[in-house]
């Protein structure tokens, strides 16, 4: 691949069905993996957050330093955001005592602020713009907040201390919301960028409740599976998907227009 071709590609994957399948698996892994460190290893939410924050910083640094899209590195960074999001949300909701509703509200404000700052500085929050270190930094900070918010939302809807819908009920709520987003994709006037971020955010609480369903006690509505076993199976599934399904880097807006001067861009 020549330099011009590399410059025309972002360092994030093209958004396809495989992308969303791996994303949901990664968010579920983030829940079981985060709980394995903070609960099963008895390290607590604060120590768990510190450990995963370091891993997140290292993964993001490697991702930004990379010259092109690497699927393994990208999904490693996504998993790092989901695990730190799990322990950080649990620390805010439970250790700080602000509750699920308070934690969700706080994290929603932080997520919206991150998107607003990104938009004000770069003029867009579209995935097609993530081709420079500055855009990547905004992208990963926004993703980290969205993953943390998703954990808090999942806990809020499922737990008795929140809405008490249970894991099955919560999965139906978030799965239904994702179905609505998918349907809106076929409405031409709906901005694709807004749909992407809506889907990205909603997959996190879906993964959170699925992860809790796998490893929480039967008395609490879960399957009581080992967090280590569940995490290993999810990790193996992600690896299999990465090996079997080739993922391409998402084309930037500039490269799309260069490749087709008459290209009519969809709403962003």
Protein backbone atom coordinates (compact mmCIF):
# COMPACT_ATOMS: atom_id res chain seq x y z
CA UNK A 1 0.00 0.00 0.00
CA UNK A 2 1.48 3.37 -1.01
CA UNK A 3 1.66 6.45 1.18
CA UNK A 4 -1.31 8.14 -0.51
CA UNK A 5 -3.47 5.08 0.04
CA UNK A 6 -2.48 4.85 3.69
CA UNK A 7 -3.25 8.56 4.16
CA UNK A 8 -6.73 7.95 2.76
CA UNK A 9 -7.60 5.42 5.42
CA UNK A 10 -8.47 5.83 9.05
CA UNK A 11 -7.13 3.61 11.82
CA UNK A 12 -10.54 2.33 12.83
CA UNK A 13 -12.41 -0.51 11.09
CA UNK A 14 -15.13 -0.20 8.52
CA UNK A 15 -18.52 -0.41 10.24
CA UNK A 16 -20.07 -3.72 9.18
CA UNK A 17 -22.16 -6.45 10.78
CA UNK A 18 -18.95 -8.20 11.89
CA UNK A 19 -17.88 -4.97 13.60
CA UNK A 20 -21.04 -4.95 15.73
CA UNK A 21 -20.80 -8.67 16.56
CA UNK A 22 -17.23 -8.26 17.82
CA UNK A 23 -18.20 -5.03 19.61
CA UNK A 24 -20.96 -6.75 21.60
CA UNK A 25 -18.59 -9.62 22.47
CA UNK A 26 -15.96 -7.09 23.58
CA UNK A 27 -18.43 -5.22 25.80
CA UNK A 28 -19.56 -8.49 27.37
CA UNK A 29 -15.92 -9.44 27.93
CA UNK A 30 -15.35 -6.05 29.53
CA UNK A 31 -18.05 -6.84 32.09
CA UNK A 32 -16.84 -10.35 32.96
CA UNK A 33 -13.17 -9.36 32.83
CA UNK A 34 -13.67 -6.24 34.94
CA UNK A 35 -15.67 -8.18 37.52
CA UNK A 36 -13.04 -10.94 37.54
CA UNK A 37 -10.35 -8.48 38.61
CA UNK A 38 -12.39 -6.33 41.01
CA UNK A 39 -14.59 -9.08 42.53
CA UNK A 40 -13.16 -12.55 41.95
CA UNK A 41 -9.60 -11.41 42.73
CA UNK A 42 -10.96 -9.23 45.57
CA UNK A 43 -8.92 -6.22 44.44
CA UNK A 44 -11.85 -3.81 44.64
CA UNK A 45 -13.16 -1.27 42.17
CA UNK A 46 -10.52 1.40 42.80
CA UNK A 47 -7.52 -0.90 42.32
CA UNK A 48 -9.23 -2.57 39.36
CA UNK A 49 -9.82 0.83 37.78
CA UNK A 50 -6.17 1.79 38.30
CA UNK A 51 -4.96 -1.43 36.66
CA UNK A 52 -7.25 -1.11 33.65
CA UNK A 53 -6.58 2.63 33.33
CA UNK A 54 -2.88 1.85 32.85
CA UNK A 55 -3.72 -0.81 30.26
CA UNK A 56 -6.07 1.63 28.54
CA UNK A 57 -3.38 4.33 28.38
CA UNK A 58 -0.82 1.89 26.98
CA UNK A 59 -3.24 0.51 24.38
CA UNK A 60 -4.36 3.96 23.22
CA UNK A 61 -0.74 5.11 22.98
CA UNK A 62 0.12 2.09 20.82
CA UNK A 63 -2.99 2.63 18.69
CA UNK A 64 -2.16 6.28 18.06
CA UNK A 65 1.51 5.48 17.36
CA UNK A 66 0.57 2.85 14.77
CA UNK A 67 0.84 4.04 11.17
CA UNK A 68 -2.19 2.14 9.91
CA UNK A 69 -5.16 0.08 11.03
CA UNK A 70 -4.31 -3.16 12.88
CA UNK A 71 -7.40 -5.22 13.86
CA UNK A 72 -5.75 -6.93 16.84
CA UNK A 73 -4.50 -3.64 18.27
CA UNK A 74 -7.80 -1.88 17.68
CA UNK A 75 -9.88 -4.54 19.45
CA UNK A 76 -7.34 -4.80 22.27
CA UNK A 77 -7.89 -1.07 22.84
CA UNK A 78 -11.67 -1.52 22.73
CA UNK A 79 -11.45 -4.26 25.38
CA UNK A 80 -9.29 -1.95 27.48
CA UNK A 81 -12.02 0.71 27.32
CA UNK A 82 -14.73 -1.79 28.29
CA UNK A 83 -12.83 -3.16 31.30
CA UNK A 84 -11.87 0.25 32.67
CA UNK A 85 -15.44 1.37 31.98
CA UNK A 86 -16.80 -1.52 34.04
CA UNK A 87 -14.69 -0.91 37.13
CA UNK A 88 -14.91 2.89 36.88
CA UNK A 89 -18.71 2.83 36.66
CA UNK A 90 -18.95 0.36 39.56
CA UNK A 91 -16.63 2.56 41.63
CA UNK A 92 -18.72 5.67 40.91
CA UNK A 93 -22.07 3.96 41.46
CA UNK A 94 -21.22 1.86 44.51
CA UNK A 95 -18.04 3.06 46.23
CA UNK A 96 -18.79 6.77 45.87
CA UNK A 97 -22.44 6.16 46.74
CA UNK A 98 -23.97 8.31 44.00
CA UNK A 99 -26.19 5.43 42.84
CA UNK A 100 -26.98 4.10 39.38
CA UNK A 101 -29.15 7.03 38.32
CA UNK A 102 -26.63 9.61 39.57
CA UNK A 103 -23.72 7.77 37.98
CA UNK A 104 -25.54 7.42 34.67
CA UNK A 105 -26.46 11.12 34.64
CA UNK A 106 -22.88 12.18 35.43
CA UNK A 107 -21.41 9.93 32.76
CA UNK A 108 -23.95 11.10 30.19
CA UNK A 109 -22.87 14.69 30.81
CA UNK A 110 -19.20 13.70 30.40
CA UNK A 111 -19.93 11.81 27.18
CA UNK A 112 -21.90 14.71 25.67
CA UNK A 113 -19.16 17.13 26.73
CA UNK A 114 -16.55 14.94 25.04
CA UNK A 115 -18.55 14.84 21.80
CA UNK A 116 -19.15 18.60 21.96
CA UNK A 117 -15.48 19.43 22.47
CA UNK A 118 -14.47 17.03 19.68
CA UNK A 119 -16.97 18.63 17.31
CA UNK A 120 -15.95 22.18 18.22
CA UNK A 121 -12.26 21.44 17.68
CA UNK A 122 -12.43 19.33 14.52
CA UNK A 123 -15.82 20.15 13.03
CA UNK A 124 -17.05 16.54 12.95
CA UNK A 125 -17.37 13.43 15.13
CA UNK A 126 -17.72 11.06 12.18
CA UNK A 127 -15.67 7.85 12.14
CA UNK A 128 -14.38 8.87 8.71
CA UNK A 129 -12.47 11.71 10.40
CA UNK A 130 -10.41 9.45 12.67
CA UNK A 131 -7.16 9.55 10.69
CA UNK A 132 -4.99 11.92 12.74
CA UNK A 133 -3.57 11.64 16.28
CA UNK A 134 -5.73 14.54 17.45
CA UNK A 135 -8.92 12.94 16.12
CA UNK A 136 -7.90 9.58 17.57
CA UNK A 137 -7.43 11.05 21.03
CA UNK A 138 -10.94 12.51 20.95
CA UNK A 139 -12.28 9.21 19.57
CA UNK A 140 -10.83 7.08 22.35
CA UNK A 141 -11.76 9.45 25.17
CA UNK A 142 -15.33 9.53 23.85
CA UNK A 143 -15.39 5.74 23.60
CA UNK A 144 -14.11 5.37 27.16
CA UNK A 145 -16.92 7.60 28.46
CA UNK A 146 -19.50 5.74 26.35
CA UNK A 147 -18.32 2.38 27.69
CA UNK A 148 -18.48 3.63 31.27
CA UNK A 149 -21.94 5.10 30.73
CA UNK A 150 -23.11 1.81 29.23
CA UNK A 151 -22.03 -0.12 32.30
CA UNK A 152 -23.92 2.26 34.59
CA UNK A 153 -27.04 2.10 32.40
CA UNK A 154 -26.96 -1.70 32.31
CA UNK A 155 -26.69 -1.92 36.09
CA UNK A 156 -29.39 0.70 36.58
CA UNK A 157 -31.95 -1.11 34.45
CA UNK A 158 -31.16 -4.63 35.65
CA UNK A 159 -30.54 -4.31 39.41
CA UNK A 160 -33.24 -4.16 42.06
CA UNK A 161 -31.67 -0.94 43.31
CA UNK A 162 -32.47 0.59 39.92
CA UNK A 163 -35.35 -0.18 37.60
CA UNK A 164 -35.29 -3.86 38.51
CA UNK A 165 -35.93 -5.20 35.00
CA UNK A 166 -33.52 -8.08 35.46
CA UNK A 167 -30.95 -9.24 32.94
CA UNK A 168 -33.47 -10.61 30.46
CA UNK A 169 -35.70 -7.55 30.61
CA UNK A 170 -32.76 -5.20 30.26
CA UNK A 171 -31.38 -7.17 27.31
CA UNK A 172 -34.76 -6.83 25.60
CA UNK A 173 -34.83 -3.07 26.23
CA UNK A 174 -31.37 -2.41 24.82
CA UNK A 175 -31.76 -4.97 22.05
CA UNK A 176 -35.03 -3.32 21.04
CA UNK A 177 -33.40 0.11 21.08
CA UNK A 178 -30.63 -1.21 18.82
CA UNK A 179 -33.26 -2.62 16.45
CA UNK A 180 -34.83 0.84 16.21
CA UNK A 181 -31.43 2.38 15.44
CA UNK A 182 -30.85 -0.27 12.75
CA UNK A 183 -34.24 0.49 11.20
CA UNK A 184 -33.48 4.22 11.16
CA UNK A 185 -30.37 3.51 9.10
CA UNK A 186 -32.68 2.96 6.12
CA UNK A 187 -34.26 6.40 6.55
CA UNK A 188 -32.20 8.63 4.20
CA UNK A 189 -32.53 11.87 6.17
CA UNK A 190 -31.27 10.47 9.48
CA UNK A 191 -27.63 11.38 10.14
CA UNK A 192 -25.41 8.30 9.96
CA UNK A 193 -22.94 9.68 12.50
CA UNK A 194 -25.69 10.08 15.11
CA UNK A 195 -26.86 6.52 14.43
CA UNK A 196 -23.34 5.16 14.80
CA UNK A 197 -22.80 6.74 18.21
CA UNK A 198 -26.29 5.75 19.37
CA UNK A 199 -25.59 2.13 18.42
CA UNK A 200 -22.10 2.26 19.88
CA UNK A 201 -23.43 3.48 23.22
CA UNK A 202 -26.35 1.01 23.31
CA UNK A 203 -24.17 -2.05 22.66
CA UNK A 204 -22.34 -1.38 25.92
CA UNK A 205 -25.29 -1.78 28.34
CA UNK A 206 -26.42 -4.77 26.27
CA UNK A 207 -22.99 -6.35 26.79
CA UNK A 208 -23.06 -5.38 30.46
CA UNK A 209 -26.33 -7.17 31.18
CA UNK A 210 -25.26 -10.19 29.12
CA UNK A 211 -22.00 -10.35 31.07
CA UNK A 212 -23.82 -10.09 34.39
CA UNK A 213 -26.26 -12.77 33.25
CA UNK A 214 -23.35 -15.12 32.61
CA UNK A 215 -21.50 -14.69 35.90
CA UNK A 216 -23.97 -13.50 38.52
CA UNK A 217 -25.45 -16.02 41.04
CA UNK A 218 -28.53 -18.02 40.08
CA UNK A 219 -30.40 -16.44 43.00
CA UNK A 220 -29.85 -13.05 41.35
CA UNK A 221 -31.03 -14.22 37.94
CA UNK A 222 -27.64 -15.20 36.48
CA UNK A 223 -26.04 -18.46 35.34
CA UNK A 224 -23.26 -18.38 37.98
CA UNK A 225 -20.56 -19.21 35.43
CA UNK A 226 -16.94 -18.65 36.33
CA UNK A 227 -15.89 -15.12 35.36
CA UNK A 228 -12.55 -16.49 34.20
CA UNK A 229 -14.16 -19.14 31.99
CA UNK A 230 -16.71 -16.70 30.55
CA UNK A 231 -13.97 -14.18 29.80
CA UNK A 232 -11.79 -16.83 28.14
CA UNK A 233 -14.66 -18.03 25.93
CA UNK A 234 -15.54 -14.47 24.89
CA UNK A 235 -11.89 -13.69 24.17
CA UNK A 236 -11.59 -16.84 22.04
CA UNK A 237 -14.78 -15.91 20.16
CA UNK A 238 -13.41 -12.43 19.39
CA UNK A 239 -10.11 -13.88 18.21
CA UNK A 240 -11.93 -16.34 15.96
CA UNK A 241 -13.97 -13.54 14.39
CA UNK A 242 -10.86 -11.45 13.76
CA UNK A 243 -9.13 -14.42 12.10
CA UNK A 244 -12.10 -15.55 10.00
CA UNK A 245 -13.49 -12.20 8.90
CA UNK A 246 -11.12 -9.75 7.27
CA UNK A 247 -11.67 -6.20 8.45
CA UNK A 248 -10.72 -3.20 6.39
CA UNK A 249 -9.88 0.27 7.59
CA UNK A 250 -12.71 2.74 7.22
CA UNK A 251 -12.15 5.14 4.35
CA UNK A 252 -11.87 8.79 5.29
CA UNK A 253 -14.32 11.31 3.91
CA UNK A 254 -11.55 12.82 1.78
CA UNK A 255 -10.63 9.48 0.19
CA UNK A 256 -14.29 8.69 -0.51
CA UNK A 257 -14.74 11.94 -2.39
CA UNK A 258 -11.40 11.53 -4.19
CA UNK A 259 -12.39 8.06 -5.36
CA UNK A 260 -15.78 9.27 -6.60
CA UNK A 261 -16.04 13.01 -7.39
CA UNK A 262 -19.77 12.68 -7.98
CA UNK A 263 -20.29 10.85 -4.70
CA UNK A 264 -23.36 12.15 -2.89
CA UNK A 265 -22.57 12.05 0.77
CA UNK A 266 -25.22 10.81 3.15
CA UNK A 267 -26.20 12.98 6.09
CA UNK A 268 -23.47 13.09 8.71
